[in-house]
PDB file of N, CA and C in Angstrom:
ATOM      1  N   UNK A   1     -64.707  28.243  13.573  1.00  0.00           N
ATOM      2  CA  UNK A   1     -64.568  29.575  13.045  1.00  0.00           C
ATOM      3  C   UNK A   1     -63.360  30.260  13.709  1.00  0.00           C
ATOM      4  N   UNK A   2     -62.539  30.920  12.889  1.00  0.00           N
ATOM      5  CA  UNK A   2     -61.361  31.587  13.413  1.00  0.00           C
ATOM      6  C   UNK A   2     -61.737  32.876  14.124  1.00  0.00           C
ATOM      7  N   UNK A   3     -60.998  33.175  15.183  1.00  0.00           N
ATOM      8  CA  UNK A   3     -61.197  34.463  15.857  1.00  0.00           C
ATOM      9  C   UNK A   3     -60.318  35.504  15.179  1.00  0.00           C
ATOM     10  N   UNK A   4     -60.826  36.713  15.088  1.00  0.00           N
ATOM     11  CA  UNK A   4     -60.095  37.780  14.422  1.00  0.00           C
ATOM     12  C   UNK A   4     -58.966  38.280  15.318  1.00  0.00           C
ATOM     13  N   UNK A   5     -57.781  38.432  14.738  1.00  0.00           N
ATOM     14  CA  UNK A   5     -56.621  38.891  15.482  1.00  0.00           C
ATOM     15  C   UNK A   5     -56.746  40.394  15.744  1.00  0.00           C
ATOM     16  N   UNK A   6     -56.558  40.804  16.992  1.00  0.00           N
ATOM     17  CA  UNK A   6     -56.641  42.210  17.368  1.00  0.00           C
ATOM     18  C   UNK A   6     -55.234  42.798  17.306  1.00  0.00           C
ATOM     19  N   UNK A   7     -55.032  43.858  16.481  1.00  0.00           N
ATOM     20  CA  UNK A   7     -53.689  44.447  16.395  1.00  0.00           C
ATOM     21  C   UNK A   7     -53.310  45.157  17.691  1.00  0.00           C
ATOM     22  N   UNK A   8     -52.108  44.887  18.170  1.00  0.00           N
ATOM     23  CA  UNK A   8     -51.594  45.500  19.382  1.00  0.00           C
ATOM     24  C   UNK A   8     -50.480  46.483  19.032  1.00  0.00           C
ATOM     25  N   UNK A   9     -50.400  47.564  19.796  1.00  0.00           N
ATOM     26  CA  UNK A   9     -49.331  48.546  19.631  1.00  0.00           C
ATOM     27  C   UNK A   9     -48.787  48.885  21.006  1.00  0.00           C
ATOM     28  N   UNK A  10     -47.532  49.322  21.058  1.00  0.00           N
ATOM     29  CA  UNK A  10     -46.897  49.656  22.320  1.00  0.00           C
ATOM     30  C   UNK A  10     -47.001  51.145  22.589  1.00  0.00           C
ATOM     31  N   UNK A  11     -47.485  51.494  23.777  1.00  0.00           N
ATOM     32  CA  UNK A  11     -47.548  52.890  24.204  1.00  0.00           C
ATOM     33  C   UNK A  11     -46.124  53.348  24.513  1.00  0.00           C
ATOM     34  N   UNK A  12     -45.760  54.557  24.048  1.00  0.00           N
ATOM     35  CA  UNK A  12     -44.397  55.036  24.278  1.00  0.00           C
ATOM     36  C   UNK A  12     -44.195  55.543  25.703  1.00  0.00           C
ATOM     37  N   UNK A  13     -45.268  55.652  26.474  1.00  0.00           N
ATOM     38  CA  UNK A  13     -45.155  56.120  27.851  1.00  0.00           C
ATOM     39  C   UNK A  13     -44.972  54.984  28.836  1.00  0.00           C
ATOM     40  N   UNK A  14     -45.878  54.028  28.789  1.00  0.00           N
ATOM     41  CA  UNK A  14     -45.854  52.934  29.774  1.00  0.00           C
ATOM     42  C   UNK A  14     -45.255  51.644  29.204  1.00  0.00           C
ATOM     43  N   UNK A  15     -44.988  51.594  27.909  1.00  0.00           N
ATOM     44  CA  UNK A  15     -44.407  50.432  27.230  1.00  0.00           C
ATOM     45  C   UNK A  15     -45.266  49.180  27.344  1.00  0.00           C
ATOM     46  N   UNK A  16     -46.579  49.343  27.436  1.00  0.00           N
ATOM     47  CA  UNK A  16     -47.491  48.204  27.479  1.00  0.00           C
ATOM     48  C   UNK A  16     -48.093  47.981  26.098  1.00  0.00           C
ATOM     49  N   UNK A  17     -48.317  46.725  25.751  1.00  0.00           N
ATOM     50  CA  UNK A  17     -48.979  46.381  24.505  1.00  0.00           C
ATOM     51  C   UNK A  17     -50.484  46.486  24.725  1.00  0.00           C
ATOM     52  N   UNK A  18     -51.130  47.370  23.943  1.00  0.00           N
ATOM     53  CA  UNK A  18     -52.545  47.676  24.104  1.00  0.00           C
ATOM     54  C   UNK A  18     -53.203  47.585  22.727  1.00  0.00           C
ATOM     55  N   UNK A  19     -54.479  47.172  22.648  1.00  0.00           N
ATOM     56  CA  UNK A  19     -55.160  47.167  21.347  1.00  0.00           C
ATOM     57  C   UNK A  19     -55.101  48.552  20.677  1.00  0.00           C
ATOM     58  N   UNK A  20     -54.829  48.535  19.388  1.00  0.00           N
ATOM     59  CA  UNK A  20     -54.618  49.756  18.615  1.00  0.00           C
ATOM     60  C   UNK A  20     -55.763  50.759  18.730  1.00  0.00           C
ATOM     61  N   UNK A  21     -56.985  50.293  18.780  1.00  0.00           N
ATOM     62  CA  UNK A  21     -58.147  51.183  18.817  1.00  0.00           C
ATOM     63  C   UNK A  21     -58.256  51.966  20.127  1.00  0.00           C
ATOM     64  N   UNK A  22     -57.594  51.518  21.175  1.00  0.00           N
ATOM     65  CA  UNK A  22     -57.651  52.196  22.468  1.00  0.00           C
ATOM     66  C   UNK A  22     -56.562  53.250  22.623  1.00  0.00           C
ATOM     67  N   UNK A  23     -55.708  53.406  21.625  1.00  0.00           N
ATOM     68  CA  UNK A  23     -54.586  54.337  21.698  1.00  0.00           C
ATOM     69  C   UNK A  23     -54.801  55.550  20.807  1.00  0.00           C
ATOM     70  N   UNK A  24     -54.066  56.614  21.100  1.00  0.00           N
ATOM     71  CA  UNK A  24     -54.054  57.818  20.261  1.00  0.00           C
ATOM     72  C   UNK A  24     -52.762  57.777  19.453  1.00  0.00           C
ATOM     73  N   UNK A  25     -52.865  57.991  18.149  1.00  0.00           N
ATOM     74  CA  UNK A  25     -51.698  57.931  17.272  1.00  0.00           C
ATOM     75  C   UNK A  25     -51.225  59.333  16.925  1.00  0.00           C
ATOM     76  N   UNK A  26     -49.933  59.560  17.078  1.00  0.00           N
ATOM     77  CA  UNK A  26     -49.299  60.805  16.673  1.00  0.00           C
ATOM     78  C   UNK A  26     -48.438  60.467  15.464  1.00  0.00           C
ATOM     79  N   UNK A  27     -48.559  61.265  14.389  1.00  0.00           N
ATOM     80  CA  UNK A  27     -47.907  60.950  13.126  1.00  0.00           C
ATOM     81  C   UNK A  27     -46.986  62.083  12.690  1.00  0.00           C
ATOM     82  N   UNK A  28     -45.845  61.705  12.135  1.00  0.00           N
ATOM     83  CA  UNK A  28     -44.939  62.669  11.504  1.00  0.00           C
ATOM     84  C   UNK A  28     -44.773  62.222  10.060  1.00  0.00           C
ATOM     85  N   UNK A  29     -45.158  63.099   9.111  1.00  0.00           N
ATOM     86  CA  UNK A  29     -45.108  62.715   7.696  1.00  0.00           C
ATOM     87  C   UNK A  29     -43.778  63.104   7.054  1.00  0.00           C
ATOM     88  N   UNK A  30     -43.642  62.847   5.748  1.00  0.00           N
ATOM     89  CA  UNK A  30     -42.396  63.106   5.037  1.00  0.00           C
ATOM     90  C   UNK A  30     -42.004  64.579   5.020  1.00  0.00           C
ATOM     91  N   UNK A  31     -43.012  65.463   5.054  1.00  0.00           N
ATOM     92  CA  UNK A  31     -42.734  66.901   5.034  1.00  0.00           C
ATOM     93  C   UNK A  31     -42.281  67.409   6.399  1.00  0.00           C
ATOM     94  N   UNK A  32     -42.310  66.567   7.421  1.00  0.00           N
ATOM     95  CA  UNK A  32     -41.885  66.951   8.757  1.00  0.00           C
ATOM     96  C   UNK A  32     -42.999  67.520   9.609  1.00  0.00           C
ATOM     97  N   UNK A  33     -44.248  67.419   9.155  1.00  0.00           N
ATOM     98  CA  UNK A  33     -45.387  67.923   9.920  1.00  0.00           C
ATOM     99  C   UNK A  33     -45.829  66.853  10.910  1.00  0.00           C
ATOM    100  N   UNK A  34     -46.075  67.274  12.139  1.00  0.00           N
ATOM    101  CA  UNK A  34     -46.529  66.362  13.184  1.00  0.00           C
ATOM    102  C   UNK A  34     -47.988  66.661  13.489  1.00  0.00           C
ATOM    103  N   UNK A  35     -48.806  65.612  13.584  1.00  0.00           N
ATOM    104  CA  UNK A  35     -50.228  65.800  13.857  1.00  0.00           C
ATOM    105  C   UNK A  35     -50.776  64.595  14.613  1.00  0.00           C
ATOM    106  N   UNK A  36     -51.980  64.767  15.134  1.00  0.00           N
ATOM    107  CA  UNK A  36     -52.677  63.671  15.809  1.00  0.00           C
ATOM    108  C   UNK A  36     -53.582  63.002  14.794  1.00  0.00           C
ATOM    109  N   UNK A  37     -53.439  61.692  14.662  1.00  0.00           N
ATOM    110  CA  UNK A  37     -54.193  60.921  13.672  1.00  0.00           C
ATOM    111  C   UNK A  37     -55.364  60.216  14.357  1.00  0.00           C
ATOM    112  N   UNK A  38     -56.551  60.725  14.126  1.00  0.00           N
ATOM    113  CA  UNK A  38     -57.735  60.115  14.741  1.00  0.00           C
ATOM    114  C   UNK A  38     -58.210  58.880  13.987  1.00  0.00           C
ATOM    115  N   UNK A  39     -57.881  58.774  12.696  1.00  0.00           N
ATOM    116  CA  UNK A  39     -58.330  57.632  11.899  1.00  0.00           C
ATOM    117  C   UNK A  39     -57.420  56.421  12.063  1.00  0.00           C
ATOM    118  N   UNK A  40     -56.152  56.658  12.380  1.00  0.00           N
ATOM    119  CA  UNK A  40     -55.196  55.558  12.489  1.00  0.00           C
ATOM    120  C   UNK A  40     -54.655  55.112  11.155  1.00  0.00           C
ATOM    121  N   UNK A  41     -54.906  55.885  10.091  1.00  0.00           N
ATOM    122  CA  UNK A  41     -54.498  55.482   8.753  1.00  0.00           C
ATOM    123  C   UNK A  41     -53.657  56.524   8.017  1.00  0.00           C
ATOM    124  N   UNK A  42     -53.270  57.598   8.689  1.00  0.00           N
ATOM    125  CA  UNK A  42     -52.494  58.650   8.030  1.00  0.00           C
ATOM    126  C   UNK A  42     -51.101  58.126   7.673  1.00  0.00           C
ATOM    127  N   UNK A  43     -50.554  58.642   6.585  1.00  0.00           N
ATOM    128  CA  UNK A  43     -49.233  58.235   6.136  1.00  0.00           C
ATOM    129  C   UNK A  43     -48.164  58.858   7.020  1.00  0.00           C
ATOM    130  N   UNK A  44     -47.121  58.113   7.271  1.00  0.00           N
ATOM    131  CA  UNK A  44     -46.001  58.620   8.037  1.00  0.00           C
ATOM    132  C   UNK A  44     -45.665  57.727   9.210  1.00  0.00           C
ATOM    133  N   UNK A  45     -44.655  58.148   9.925  1.00  0.00           N
ATOM    134  CA  UNK A  45     -44.195  57.415  11.109  1.00  0.00           C
ATOM    135  C   UNK A  45     -45.136  57.697  12.270  1.00  0.00           C
ATOM    136  N   UNK A  46     -45.553  56.668  12.959  1.00  0.00           N
ATOM    137  CA  UNK A  46     -46.510  56.835  14.035  1.00  0.00           C
ATOM    138  C   UNK A  46     -45.957  56.430  15.387  1.00  0.00           C
ATOM    139  N   UNK A  47     -46.473  57.072  16.417  1.00  0.00           N
ATOM    140  CA  UNK A  47     -46.175  56.711  17.796  1.00  0.00           C
ATOM    141  C   UNK A  47     -47.512  56.681  18.535  1.00  0.00           C
ATOM    142  N   UNK A  48     -47.662  55.757  19.446  1.00  0.00           N
ATOM    143  CA  UNK A  48     -48.940  55.561  20.122  1.00  0.00           C
ATOM    144  C   UNK A  48     -48.862  55.967  21.585  1.00  0.00           C
ATOM    145  N   UNK A  49     -49.972  56.576  22.058  1.00  0.00           N
ATOM    146  CA  UNK A  49     -50.062  57.080  23.423  1.00  0.00           C
ATOM    147  C   UNK A  49     -51.361  56.566  24.048  1.00  0.00           C
ATOM    148  N   UNK A  50     -51.293  56.158  25.324  1.00  0.00           N
ATOM    149  CA  UNK A  50     -52.487  55.715  26.062  1.00  0.00           C
ATOM    150  C   UNK A  50     -53.453  56.869  26.268  1.00  0.00           C
ATOM    151  N   UNK A  51     -54.703  56.536  26.542  1.00  0.00           N
ATOM    152  CA  UNK A  51     -55.715  57.523  26.932  1.00  0.00           C
ATOM    153  C   UNK A  51     -55.681  57.723  28.440  1.00  0.00           C
ATOM    154  N   UNK A  52     -54.512  57.755  29.018  1.00  0.00           N
ATOM    155  CA  UNK A  52     -54.339  57.801  30.458  1.00  0.00           C
ATOM    156  C   UNK A  52     -53.546  59.053  30.821  1.00  0.00           C
ATOM    157  N   UNK A  53     -54.065  59.853  31.759  1.00  0.00           N
ATOM    158  CA  UNK A  53     -53.393  61.100  32.135  1.00  0.00           C
ATOM    159  C   UNK A  53     -52.020  60.847  32.751  1.00  0.00           C
ATOM    160  N   UNK A  54     -51.899  59.821  33.565  1.00  0.00           N
ATOM    161  CA  UNK A  54     -50.612  59.530  34.195  1.00  0.00           C
ATOM    162  C   UNK A  54     -49.560  59.165  33.155  1.00  0.00           C
ATOM    163  N   UNK A  55     -49.957  58.376  32.188  1.00  0.00           N
ATOM    164  CA  UNK A  55     -49.052  57.982  31.109  1.00  0.00           C
ATOM    165  C   UNK A  55     -48.646  59.210  30.292  1.00  0.00           C
ATOM    166  N   UNK A  56     -49.609  60.096  30.019  1.00  0.00           N
ATOM    167  CA  UNK A  56     -49.300  61.293  29.246  1.00  0.00           C
ATOM    168  C   UNK A  56     -48.346  62.210  29.998  1.00  0.00           C
ATOM    169  N   UNK A  57     -48.528  62.334  31.319  1.00  0.00           N
ATOM    170  CA  UNK A  57     -47.610  63.164  32.111  1.00  0.00           C
ATOM    171  C   UNK A  57     -46.185  62.633  32.007  1.00  0.00           C
ATOM    172  N   UNK A  58     -46.056  61.323  32.000  1.00  0.00           N
ATOM    173  CA  UNK A  58     -44.743  60.696  31.864  1.00  0.00           C
ATOM    174  C   UNK A  58     -44.132  61.006  30.498  1.00  0.00           C
ATOM    175  N   UNK A  59     -44.953  60.953  29.450  1.00  0.00           N
ATOM    176  CA  UNK A  59     -44.483  61.257  28.094  1.00  0.00           C
ATOM    177  C   UNK A  59     -44.047  62.710  27.994  1.00  0.00           C
ATOM    178  N   UNK A  60     -44.824  63.597  28.576  1.00  0.00           N
ATOM    179  CA  UNK A  60     -44.519  65.023  28.531  1.00  0.00           C
ATOM    180  C   UNK A  60     -43.237  65.325  29.303  1.00  0.00           C
ATOM    181  N   UNK A  61     -43.060  64.695  30.456  1.00  0.00           N
ATOM    182  CA  UNK A  61     -41.887  64.938  31.298  1.00  0.00           C
ATOM    183  C   UNK A  61     -40.605  64.428  30.643  1.00  0.00           C
ATOM    184  N   UNK A  62     -40.658  63.244  30.067  1.00  0.00           N
ATOM    185  CA  UNK A  62     -39.462  62.628  29.484  1.00  0.00           C
ATOM    186  C   UNK A  62     -39.260  62.981  28.014  1.00  0.00           C
ATOM    187  N   UNK A  63     -40.224  63.727  27.425  1.00  0.00           N
ATOM    188  CA  UNK A  63     -40.157  64.093  25.998  1.00  0.00           C
ATOM    189  C   UNK A  63     -40.014  62.850  25.120  1.00  0.00           C
ATOM    190  N   UNK A  64     -40.836  61.852  25.387  1.00  0.00           N
ATOM    191  CA  UNK A  64     -40.790  60.582  24.663  1.00  0.00           C
ATOM    192  C   UNK A  64     -41.124  60.748  23.186  1.00  0.00           C
ATOM    193  N   UNK A  65     -42.011  61.707  22.852  1.00  0.00           N
ATOM    194  CA  UNK A  65     -42.331  61.933  21.431  1.00  0.00           C
ATOM    195  C   UNK A  65     -41.109  62.453  20.678  1.00  0.00           C
ATOM    196  N   UNK A  66     -40.320  63.287  21.322  1.00  0.00           N
ATOM    197  CA  UNK A  66     -39.099  63.789  20.680  1.00  0.00           C
ATOM    198  C   UNK A  66     -38.152  62.634  20.353  1.00  0.00           C
ATOM    199  N   UNK A  67     -38.037  61.694  21.285  1.00  0.00           N
ATOM    200  CA  UNK A  67     -37.169  60.540  21.049  1.00  0.00           C
ATOM    201  C   UNK A  67     -37.744  59.618  19.983  1.00  0.00           C
ATOM    202  N   UNK A  68     -39.071  59.443  19.974  1.00  0.00           N
ATOM    203  CA  UNK A  68     -39.702  58.543  19.010  1.00  0.00           C
ATOM    204  C   UNK A  68     -39.524  59.041  17.581  1.00  0.00           C
ATOM    205  N   UNK A  69     -39.607  60.358  17.400  1.00  0.00           N
ATOM    206  CA  UNK A  69     -39.499  60.925  16.057  1.00  0.00           C
ATOM    207  C   UNK A  69     -38.116  61.504  15.764  1.00  0.00           C
ATOM    208  N   UNK A  70     -37.213  61.471  16.747  1.00  0.00           N
ATOM    209  CA  UNK A  70     -35.841  61.967  16.589  1.00  0.00           C
ATOM    210  C   UNK A  70     -35.804  63.417  16.118  1.00  0.00           C
ATOM    211  N   UNK A  71     -36.696  64.236  16.657  1.00  0.00           N
ATOM    212  CA  UNK A  71     -36.733  65.669  16.349  1.00  0.00           C
ATOM    213  C   UNK A  71     -37.528  66.386  17.442  1.00  0.00           C
ATOM    214  N   UNK A  72     -37.506  67.699  17.416  1.00  0.00           N
ATOM    215  CA  UNK A  72     -38.233  68.494  18.396  1.00  0.00           C
ATOM    216  C   UNK A  72     -39.716  68.545  18.014  1.00  0.00           C
ATOM    217  N   UNK A  73     -40.591  68.193  18.943  1.00  0.00           N
ATOM    218  CA  UNK A  73     -42.039  68.211  18.717  1.00  0.00           C
ATOM    219  C   UNK A  73     -42.591  69.506  19.296  1.00  0.00           C
ATOM    220  N   UNK A  74     -43.403  70.244  18.533  1.00  0.00           N
ATOM    221  CA  UNK A  74     -43.963  71.502  19.043  1.00  0.00           C
ATOM    222  C   UNK A  74     -44.846  71.282  20.270  1.00  0.00           C
ATOM    223  N   UNK A  75     -44.853  72.275  21.153  1.00  0.00           N
ATOM    224  CA  UNK A  75     -45.641  72.193  22.384  1.00  0.00           C
ATOM    225  C   UNK A  75     -47.133  72.083  22.081  1.00  0.00           C
ATOM    226  N   UNK A  76     -47.586  72.604  20.932  1.00  0.00           N
ATOM    227  CA  UNK A  76     -49.013  72.540  20.601  1.00  0.00           C
ATOM    228  C   UNK A  76     -49.486  71.097  20.422  1.00  0.00           C
ATOM    229  N   UNK A  77     -48.617  70.192  19.997  1.00  0.00           N
ATOM    230  CA  UNK A  77     -48.991  68.771  19.872  1.00  0.00           C
ATOM    231  C   UNK A  77     -49.260  68.196  21.259  1.00  0.00           C
ATOM    232  N   UNK A  78     -48.419  68.536  22.220  1.00  0.00           N
ATOM    233  CA  UNK A  78     -48.644  68.077  23.598  1.00  0.00           C
ATOM    234  C   UNK A  78     -49.953  68.643  24.143  1.00  0.00           C
ATOM    235  N   UNK A  79     -50.256  69.900  23.817  1.00  0.00           N
ATOM    236  CA  UNK A  79     -51.499  70.524  24.278  1.00  0.00           C
ATOM    237  C   UNK A  79     -52.715  69.851  23.650  1.00  0.00           C
ATOM    238  N   UNK A  80     -52.626  69.538  22.351  1.00  0.00           N
ATOM    239  CA  UNK A  80     -53.743  68.860  21.687  1.00  0.00           C
ATOM    240  C   UNK A  80     -53.943  67.455  22.240  1.00  0.00           C
ATOM    241  N   UNK A  81     -52.836  66.774  22.587  1.00  0.00           N
ATOM    242  CA  UNK A  81     -52.937  65.450  23.197  1.00  0.00           C
ATOM    243  C   UNK A  81     -53.623  65.533  24.548  1.00  0.00           C
ATOM    244  N   UNK A  82     -53.309  66.568  25.321  1.00  0.00           N
ATOM    245  CA  UNK A  82     -53.967  66.764  26.611  1.00  0.00           C
ATOM    246  C   UNK A  82     -55.464  66.916  26.421  1.00  0.00           C
ATOM    247  N   UNK A  83     -55.862  67.713  25.436  1.00  0.00           N
ATOM    248  CA  UNK A  83     -57.282  67.933  25.140  1.00  0.00           C
ATOM    249  C   UNK A  83     -57.951  66.631  24.691  1.00  0.00           C
ATOM    250  N   UNK A  84     -57.266  65.887  23.852  1.00  0.00           N
ATOM    251  CA  UNK A  84     -57.797  64.618  23.333  1.00  0.00           C
ATOM    252  C   UNK A  84     -58.017  63.617  24.479  1.00  0.00           C
ATOM    253  N   UNK A  85     -57.065  63.539  25.400  1.00  0.00           N
ATOM    254  CA  UNK A  85     -57.181  62.618  26.534  1.00  0.00           C
ATOM    255  C   UNK A  85     -58.314  63.064  27.459  1.00  0.00           C
ATOM    256  N   UNK A  86     -58.425  64.363  27.701  1.00  0.00           N
ATOM    257  CA  UNK A  86     -59.516  64.870  28.535  1.00  0.00           C
ATOM    258  C   UNK A  86     -60.877  64.559  27.915  1.00  0.00           C
ATOM    259  N   UNK A  87     -60.993  64.716  26.595  1.00  0.00           N
ATOM    260  CA  UNK A  87     -62.254  64.429  25.904  1.00  0.00           C
ATOM    261  C   UNK A  87     -62.610  62.947  25.968  1.00  0.00           C
ATOM    262  N   UNK A  88     -61.607  62.072  25.858  1.00  0.00           N
ATOM    263  CA  UNK A  88     -61.885  60.634  25.857  1.00  0.00           C
ATOM    264  C   UNK A  88     -62.284  60.123  27.231  1.00  0.00           C
ATOM    265  N   UNK A  89     -61.856  60.804  28.295  1.00  0.00           N
ATOM    266  CA  UNK A  89     -62.194  60.353  29.639  1.00  0.00           C
ATOM    267  C   UNK A  89     -63.615  60.757  30.042  1.00  0.00           C
ATOM    268  N   UNK A  90     -64.212  61.702  29.354  1.00  0.00           N
ATOM    269  CA  UNK A  90     -65.567  62.149  29.711  1.00  0.00           C
ATOM    270  C   UNK A  90     -66.622  61.304  29.091  1.00  0.00           C
TER     271      UNK A  90
END
């Protein structure tokens, strides 16, 4: 019996390949709206972030999301990511 392949994605903070289900996806759609995708299936360009506070601090400091999407990301997205990471650690 074949084993099911687990999809891996690279975190933009630590550059490690991690299973997709363990990451938080941030999406920018065609209209230019940026949001956090909890389902992992929203349309648009996606960037993945670890559920790790240290990794998130690195992303926030270096503005890695801005580089990933080649535009300015609103501060509220960073705040929502902080909340999402805090919720997942509890």
